[in-house]
Amino acid sequence: MPKTLPVLEDTAPLRCGPLDAAPGALPYETAVALAVRLKALADPVRVQLVSYLLARPALEACTCDLAPAVGLSEPTVSHHLKQLLQAGLVEKERRGANVFYRLVPDSVSAVGRTLTLSCC
């Protein structure tokens, strides 16, 4: 019988340095937080959405703008945004009939910092 993997959900801020900063020094909780965010980014559409949001002046956009940007329907884009939301990479705000998604800069930056090589 296959082993059931736990469902990981973590939206707490991720603040950590490069993985190579001190071997074995990455606490388990930080590793889980990083794994949750990497799992959310392990989809090409979600990477496109994050890239699109990074290019926006306020790091935010409405689902009505995001759907055409990736060439998918709004319900499909909403599903992908929900995954990014659950991982703590974006936050949302309803403004009238529209929902705006904004990147959480600290979470996105922490993923990049964690995977940065500081040698060579």
N, C-alpha and C. Protein backbone atom coordinates (compact mmCIF):
# COMPACT_ATOMS: atom_id res chain seq x y z
N MET A 1 0.85 -1.17 0.00
CA MET A 1 0.00 0.00 0.00
C MET A 1 0.90 1.24 0.00
N PRO A 2 0.62 2.22 -0.89
CA PRO A 2 1.44 3.42 -0.93
C PRO A 2 1.28 4.26 0.33
N LYS A 3 2.35 4.89 0.70
CA LYS A 3 2.34 5.75 1.87
C LYS A 3 1.62 7.06 1.55
N THR A 4 0.71 7.48 2.42
CA THR A 4 -0.01 8.73 2.24
C THR A 4 0.85 9.87 2.75
N LEU A 5 1.04 10.86 1.89
CA LEU A 5 1.83 12.02 2.27
C LEU A 5 0.95 13.03 2.99
N PRO A 6 1.50 13.73 3.98
CA PRO A 6 0.70 14.74 4.69
C PRO A 6 0.43 15.94 3.78
N VAL A 7 -0.71 16.57 4.01
CA VAL A 7 -1.04 17.79 3.29
C VAL A 7 -0.35 18.93 4.03
N LEU A 8 0.52 19.62 3.33
CA LEU A 8 1.26 20.72 3.93
C LEU A 8 0.64 22.04 3.51
N GLU A 9 0.34 22.86 4.48
CA GLU A 9 -0.19 24.19 4.18
C GLU A 9 0.44 25.14 5.18
N ASP A 10 1.11 26.14 4.67
CA ASP A 10 1.83 27.07 5.54
C ASP A 10 1.84 28.43 4.88
N THR A 11 1.23 29.41 5.52
CA THR A 11 1.22 30.76 4.96
C THR A 11 2.04 31.71 5.82
N ALA A 12 2.73 31.17 6.84
CA ALA A 12 3.57 32.03 7.68
C ALA A 12 4.70 32.61 6.86
N PRO A 13 5.16 33.79 7.22
CA PRO A 13 6.29 34.39 6.48
C PRO A 13 7.50 33.47 6.50
N LEU A 14 8.15 33.38 5.37
CA LEU A 14 9.34 32.54 5.23
C LEU A 14 10.54 33.47 5.22
N ARG A 15 11.35 33.38 6.25
CA ARG A 15 12.53 34.24 6.35
C ARG A 15 13.73 33.35 6.63
N CYS A 16 14.48 33.10 5.60
CA CYS A 16 15.67 32.28 5.79
C CYS A 16 16.72 32.67 4.77
N GLY A 17 17.93 32.30 5.06
CA GLY A 17 19.05 32.62 4.19
C GLY A 17 19.32 31.48 3.23
N PRO A 18 20.43 31.55 2.53
CA PRO A 18 20.78 30.50 1.56
C PRO A 18 20.90 29.13 2.23
N LEU A 19 20.54 28.09 1.50
CA LEU A 19 20.63 26.74 2.03
C LEU A 19 22.06 26.37 2.38
N ASP A 20 23.02 26.93 1.68
CA ASP A 20 24.41 26.57 1.94
C ASP A 20 25.07 27.42 3.03
N ALA A 21 24.29 28.27 3.70
CA ALA A 21 24.86 29.15 4.71
C ALA A 21 25.49 28.37 5.85
N ALA A 22 24.81 27.36 6.32
CA ALA A 22 25.33 26.50 7.38
C ALA A 22 24.73 25.12 7.19
N PRO A 23 25.52 24.16 6.71
CA PRO A 23 24.99 22.83 6.44
C PRO A 23 24.23 22.25 7.63
N GLY A 24 23.05 21.75 7.34
CA GLY A 24 22.24 21.12 8.38
C GLY A 24 21.55 22.11 9.30
N ALA A 25 21.67 23.41 9.05
CA ALA A 25 21.11 24.41 9.95
C ALA A 25 19.68 24.81 9.60
N LEU A 26 19.13 24.29 8.51
CA LEU A 26 17.77 24.65 8.13
C LEU A 26 16.78 23.89 9.01
N PRO A 27 16.07 24.59 9.88
CA PRO A 27 15.11 23.91 10.76
C PRO A 27 14.00 23.24 9.94
N TYR A 28 13.43 22.18 10.51
CA TYR A 28 12.39 21.41 9.82
C TYR A 28 11.22 22.31 9.44
N GLU A 29 10.80 23.18 10.34
CA GLU A 29 9.65 24.05 10.08
C GLU A 29 9.93 24.97 8.88
N THR A 30 11.15 25.45 8.78
CA THR A 30 11.53 26.30 7.66
C THR A 30 11.56 25.49 6.38
N ALA A 31 12.04 24.26 6.46
CA ALA A 31 12.06 23.38 5.29
C ALA A 31 10.65 23.09 4.80
N VAL A 32 9.71 22.89 5.73
CA VAL A 32 8.31 22.66 5.35
C VAL A 32 7.75 23.91 4.67
N ALA A 33 8.01 25.08 5.24
CA ALA A 33 7.51 26.33 4.66
C ALA A 33 8.07 26.52 3.24
N LEU A 34 9.34 26.22 3.05
CA LEU A 34 9.95 26.33 1.73
C LEU A 34 9.36 25.31 0.77
N ALA A 35 9.17 24.09 1.24
CA ALA A 35 8.61 23.03 0.38
C ALA A 35 7.20 23.37 -0.08
N VAL A 36 6.41 23.97 0.80
CA VAL A 36 5.03 24.37 0.44
C VAL A 36 5.07 25.40 -0.69
N ARG A 37 5.96 26.35 -0.58
CA ARG A 37 6.05 27.39 -1.62
C ARG A 37 6.61 26.85 -2.93
N LEU A 38 7.60 25.99 -2.83
CA LEU A 38 8.16 25.39 -4.05
C LEU A 38 7.12 24.50 -4.74
N LYS A 39 6.33 23.78 -3.95
CA LYS A 39 5.28 22.94 -4.53
C LYS A 39 4.27 23.80 -5.27
N ALA A 40 3.92 24.94 -4.69
CA ALA A 40 2.97 25.83 -5.36
C ALA A 40 3.55 26.38 -6.65
N LEU A 41 4.86 26.57 -6.70
CA LEU A 41 5.51 27.12 -7.89
C LEU A 41 5.88 26.04 -8.90
N ALA A 42 5.59 24.79 -8.59
CA ALA A 42 5.96 23.69 -9.48
C ALA A 42 4.94 23.47 -10.59
N ASP A 43 4.39 24.54 -11.09
CA ASP A 43 3.44 24.49 -12.19
C ASP A 43 3.74 25.66 -13.12
N PRO A 44 3.86 25.41 -14.41
CA PRO A 44 4.22 26.49 -15.33
C PRO A 44 3.26 27.68 -15.32
N VAL A 45 1.97 27.41 -15.17
CA VAL A 45 0.99 28.50 -15.15
C VAL A 45 1.20 29.38 -13.92
N ARG A 46 1.49 28.76 -12.78
CA ARG A 46 1.70 29.53 -11.55
C ARG A 46 2.98 30.36 -11.64
N VAL A 47 4.00 29.81 -12.29
CA VAL A 47 5.22 30.58 -12.51
C VAL A 47 4.91 31.77 -13.41
N GLN A 48 4.08 31.55 -14.44
CA GLN A 48 3.68 32.66 -15.33
C GLN A 48 2.92 33.73 -14.55
N LEU A 49 2.03 33.30 -13.67
CA LEU A 49 1.24 34.26 -12.88
C LEU A 49 2.14 35.08 -11.97
N VAL A 50 3.08 34.43 -11.30
CA VAL A 50 4.01 35.15 -10.43
C VAL A 50 4.86 36.11 -11.25
N SER A 51 5.32 35.67 -12.40
CA SER A 51 6.11 36.52 -13.28
C SER A 51 5.32 37.74 -13.72
N TYR A 52 4.05 37.53 -14.08
CA TYR A 52 3.19 38.64 -14.50
C TYR A 52 3.01 39.64 -13.35
N LEU A 53 2.76 39.11 -12.15
CA LEU A 53 2.57 40.00 -10.99
C LEU A 53 3.85 40.75 -10.65
N LEU A 54 4.99 40.11 -10.82
CA LEU A 54 6.27 40.77 -10.56
C LEU A 54 6.49 41.95 -11.50
N ALA A 55 5.93 41.88 -12.69
CA ALA A 55 6.11 42.94 -13.68
C ALA A 55 5.13 44.09 -13.50
N ARG A 56 4.15 43.92 -12.65
CA ARG A 56 3.15 44.97 -12.43
C ARG A 56 3.69 46.00 -11.43
N PRO A 57 3.34 47.28 -11.60
CA PRO A 57 3.85 48.32 -10.71
C PRO A 57 3.58 48.08 -9.22
N ALA A 58 2.38 47.68 -8.86
CA ALA A 58 2.04 47.45 -7.46
C ALA A 58 2.10 45.97 -7.09
N LEU A 59 2.70 45.15 -7.95
CA LEU A 59 2.79 43.69 -7.76
C LEU A 59 1.41 43.06 -7.63
N GLU A 60 0.41 43.65 -8.28
CA GLU A 60 -0.95 43.12 -8.17
C GLU A 60 -1.67 43.22 -9.50
N ALA A 61 -2.71 42.39 -9.63
CA ALA A 61 -3.55 42.42 -10.82
C ALA A 61 -4.88 41.75 -10.49
N CYS A 62 -5.87 42.09 -11.29
CA CYS A 62 -7.20 41.51 -11.19
C CYS A 62 -7.23 40.19 -11.96
N THR A 63 -8.08 39.27 -11.53
CA THR A 63 -8.21 38.00 -12.26
C THR A 63 -8.63 38.26 -13.70
N CYS A 64 -9.36 39.36 -13.92
CA CYS A 64 -9.79 39.67 -15.29
C CYS A 64 -8.60 40.05 -16.18
N ASP A 65 -7.48 40.48 -15.59
CA ASP A 65 -6.26 40.76 -16.34
C ASP A 65 -5.35 39.54 -16.41
N LEU A 66 -5.37 38.74 -15.36
CA LEU A 66 -4.47 37.58 -15.29
C LEU A 66 -4.88 36.47 -16.26
N ALA A 67 -6.18 36.26 -16.41
CA ALA A 67 -6.66 35.18 -17.29
C ALA A 67 -6.18 35.37 -18.73
N PRO A 68 -6.38 36.54 -19.34
CA PRO A 68 -5.88 36.72 -20.70
C PRO A 68 -4.35 36.67 -20.79
N ALA A 69 -3.69 37.08 -19.73
CA ALA A 69 -2.21 37.09 -19.74
C ALA A 69 -1.63 35.69 -19.88
N VAL A 70 -2.32 34.70 -19.34
CA VAL A 70 -1.83 33.31 -19.44
C VAL A 70 -2.65 32.47 -20.41
N GLY A 71 -3.67 33.08 -21.01
CA GLY A 71 -4.47 32.38 -22.01
C GLY A 71 -5.38 31.29 -21.47
N LEU A 72 -5.88 31.49 -20.26
CA LEU A 72 -6.77 30.51 -19.64
C LEU A 72 -8.04 31.21 -19.15
N SER A 73 -9.04 30.41 -18.81
CA SER A 73 -10.29 30.97 -18.30
C SER A 73 -10.10 31.49 -16.88
N GLU A 74 -10.97 32.40 -16.47
CA GLU A 74 -10.88 32.96 -15.11
C GLU A 74 -11.04 31.89 -14.03
N PRO A 75 -11.95 30.91 -14.18
CA PRO A 75 -12.04 29.87 -13.15
C PRO A 75 -10.74 29.06 -13.02
N THR A 76 -10.09 28.78 -14.15
CA THR A 76 -8.83 28.03 -14.09
C THR A 76 -7.74 28.85 -13.42
N VAL A 77 -7.67 30.13 -13.77
CA VAL A 77 -6.68 31.02 -13.16
C VAL A 77 -6.97 31.16 -11.67
N SER A 78 -8.24 31.24 -11.30
CA SER A 78 -8.60 31.34 -9.88
C SER A 78 -8.13 30.11 -9.11
N HIS A 79 -8.21 28.95 -9.72
CA HIS A 79 -7.72 27.72 -9.08
C HIS A 79 -6.22 27.84 -8.82
N HIS A 80 -5.47 28.28 -9.80
CA HIS A 80 -4.02 28.42 -9.64
C HIS A 80 -3.68 29.48 -8.60
N LEU A 81 -4.43 30.57 -8.60
CA LEU A 81 -4.21 31.62 -7.61
C LEU A 81 -4.52 31.14 -6.20
N LYS A 82 -5.50 30.27 -6.08
CA LYS A 82 -5.83 29.69 -4.77
C LYS A 82 -4.65 28.90 -4.23
N GLN A 83 -3.96 28.18 -5.11
CA GLN A 83 -2.79 27.41 -4.69
C GLN A 83 -1.67 28.35 -4.22
N LEU A 84 -1.48 29.44 -4.93
CA LEU A 84 -0.47 30.42 -4.53
C LEU A 84 -0.86 31.12 -3.23
N LEU A 85 -2.16 31.34 -3.05
CA LEU A 85 -2.68 31.95 -1.83
C LEU A 85 -2.44 31.04 -0.64
N GLN A 86 -2.75 29.76 -0.78
CA GLN A 86 -2.57 28.80 0.31
C GLN A 86 -1.10 28.64 0.68
N ALA A 87 -0.22 28.89 -0.26
CA ALA A 87 1.22 28.78 0.00
C ALA A 87 1.79 30.07 0.57
N GLY A 88 0.97 31.11 0.66
CA GLY A 88 1.43 32.37 1.23
C GLY A 88 2.23 33.23 0.26
N LEU A 89 2.15 32.93 -1.03
CA LEU A 89 2.90 33.70 -2.02
C LEU A 89 2.12 34.91 -2.53
N VAL A 90 0.79 34.86 -2.43
CA VAL A 90 -0.05 35.99 -2.81
C VAL A 90 -1.10 36.22 -1.73
N GLU A 91 -1.68 37.40 -1.77
CA GLU A 91 -2.84 37.70 -0.93
C GLU A 91 -3.90 38.31 -1.84
N LYS A 92 -5.15 38.26 -1.42
CA LYS A 92 -6.20 38.77 -2.29
C LYS A 92 -7.04 39.80 -1.58
N GLU A 93 -7.68 40.64 -2.42
CA GLU A 93 -8.55 41.70 -1.91
C GLU A 93 -9.68 41.89 -2.91
N ARG A 94 -10.89 41.86 -2.41
CA ARG A 94 -12.05 42.11 -3.27
C ARG A 94 -12.30 43.60 -3.34
N ARG A 95 -12.44 44.08 -4.57
CA ARG A 95 -12.78 45.49 -4.81
C ARG A 95 -13.97 45.51 -5.74
N GLY A 96 -15.13 45.72 -5.17
CA GLY A 96 -16.36 45.67 -5.96
C GLY A 96 -16.58 44.25 -6.45
N ALA A 97 -16.76 44.11 -7.76
CA ALA A 97 -17.00 42.79 -8.35
C ALA A 97 -15.70 42.07 -8.70
N ASN A 98 -14.55 42.74 -8.56
CA ASN A 98 -13.27 42.16 -8.96
C ASN A 98 -12.46 41.71 -7.75
N VAL A 99 -11.63 40.70 -7.99
CA VAL A 99 -10.70 40.23 -6.97
C VAL A 99 -9.29 40.51 -7.47
N PHE A 100 -8.52 41.22 -6.64
CA PHE A 100 -7.15 41.54 -6.98
C PHE A 100 -6.21 40.66 -6.17
N TYR A 101 -5.19 40.14 -6.84
CA TYR A 101 -4.17 39.34 -6.18
C TYR A 101 -2.87 40.12 -6.17
N ARG A 102 -2.21 40.10 -5.02
CA ARG A 102 -0.96 40.84 -4.85
C ARG A 102 0.09 39.87 -4.31
N LEU A 103 1.30 39.94 -4.86
CA LEU A 103 2.39 39.12 -4.35
C LEU A 103 2.74 39.54 -2.94
N VAL A 104 3.19 38.57 -2.14
CA VAL A 104 3.73 38.86 -0.82
C VAL A 104 5.24 38.91 -1.00
N PRO A 105 5.80 40.12 -1.09
CA PRO A 105 7.21 40.26 -1.44
C PRO A 105 8.16 39.46 -0.55
N ASP A 106 7.92 39.43 0.76
CA ASP A 106 8.81 38.70 1.66
C ASP A 106 8.84 37.21 1.36
N SER A 107 7.68 36.63 1.04
CA SER A 107 7.63 35.19 0.74
C SER A 107 8.34 34.86 -0.57
N VAL A 108 8.10 35.68 -1.59
CA VAL A 108 8.73 35.44 -2.89
C VAL A 108 10.23 35.64 -2.79
N SER A 109 10.65 36.70 -2.11
CA SER A 109 12.08 36.97 -1.94
C SER A 109 12.77 35.87 -1.14
N ALA A 110 12.10 35.37 -0.11
CA ALA A 110 12.69 34.33 0.73
C ALA A 110 12.96 33.06 -0.06
N VAL A 111 12.06 32.72 -0.98
CA VAL A 111 12.29 31.54 -1.83
C VAL A 111 13.55 31.75 -2.66
N GLY A 112 13.68 32.92 -3.23
CA GLY A 112 14.87 33.22 -4.04
C GLY A 112 16.14 33.22 -3.21
N ARG A 113 16.09 33.84 -2.03
CA ARG A 113 17.27 33.89 -1.16
C ARG A 113 17.70 32.49 -0.72
N THR A 114 16.73 31.66 -0.44
CA THR A 114 17.03 30.32 0.05
C THR A 114 17.76 29.50 -0.99
N LEU A 115 17.43 29.70 -2.26
CA LEU A 115 18.02 28.90 -3.32
C LEU A 115 19.22 29.58 -3.99
N THR A 116 19.68 30.69 -3.42
CA THR A 116 20.80 31.40 -4.00
C THR A 116 22.13 30.76 -3.59
N LEU A 117 22.98 30.56 -4.56
CA LEU A 117 24.32 30.06 -4.27
C LEU A 117 25.19 31.24 -3.87
N SER A 118 25.94 31.08 -2.81
CA SER A 118 26.79 32.18 -2.37
C SER A 118 28.28 31.87 -2.60
N CYS A 119 28.53 30.90 -3.43
CA CYS A 119 29.93 30.56 -3.71
C CYS A 119 30.25 30.83 -5.18
N CYS A 120 31.45 30.64 -5.54
CA CYS A 120 31.93 30.72 -6.93
C CYS A 120 31.70 32.09 -7.52
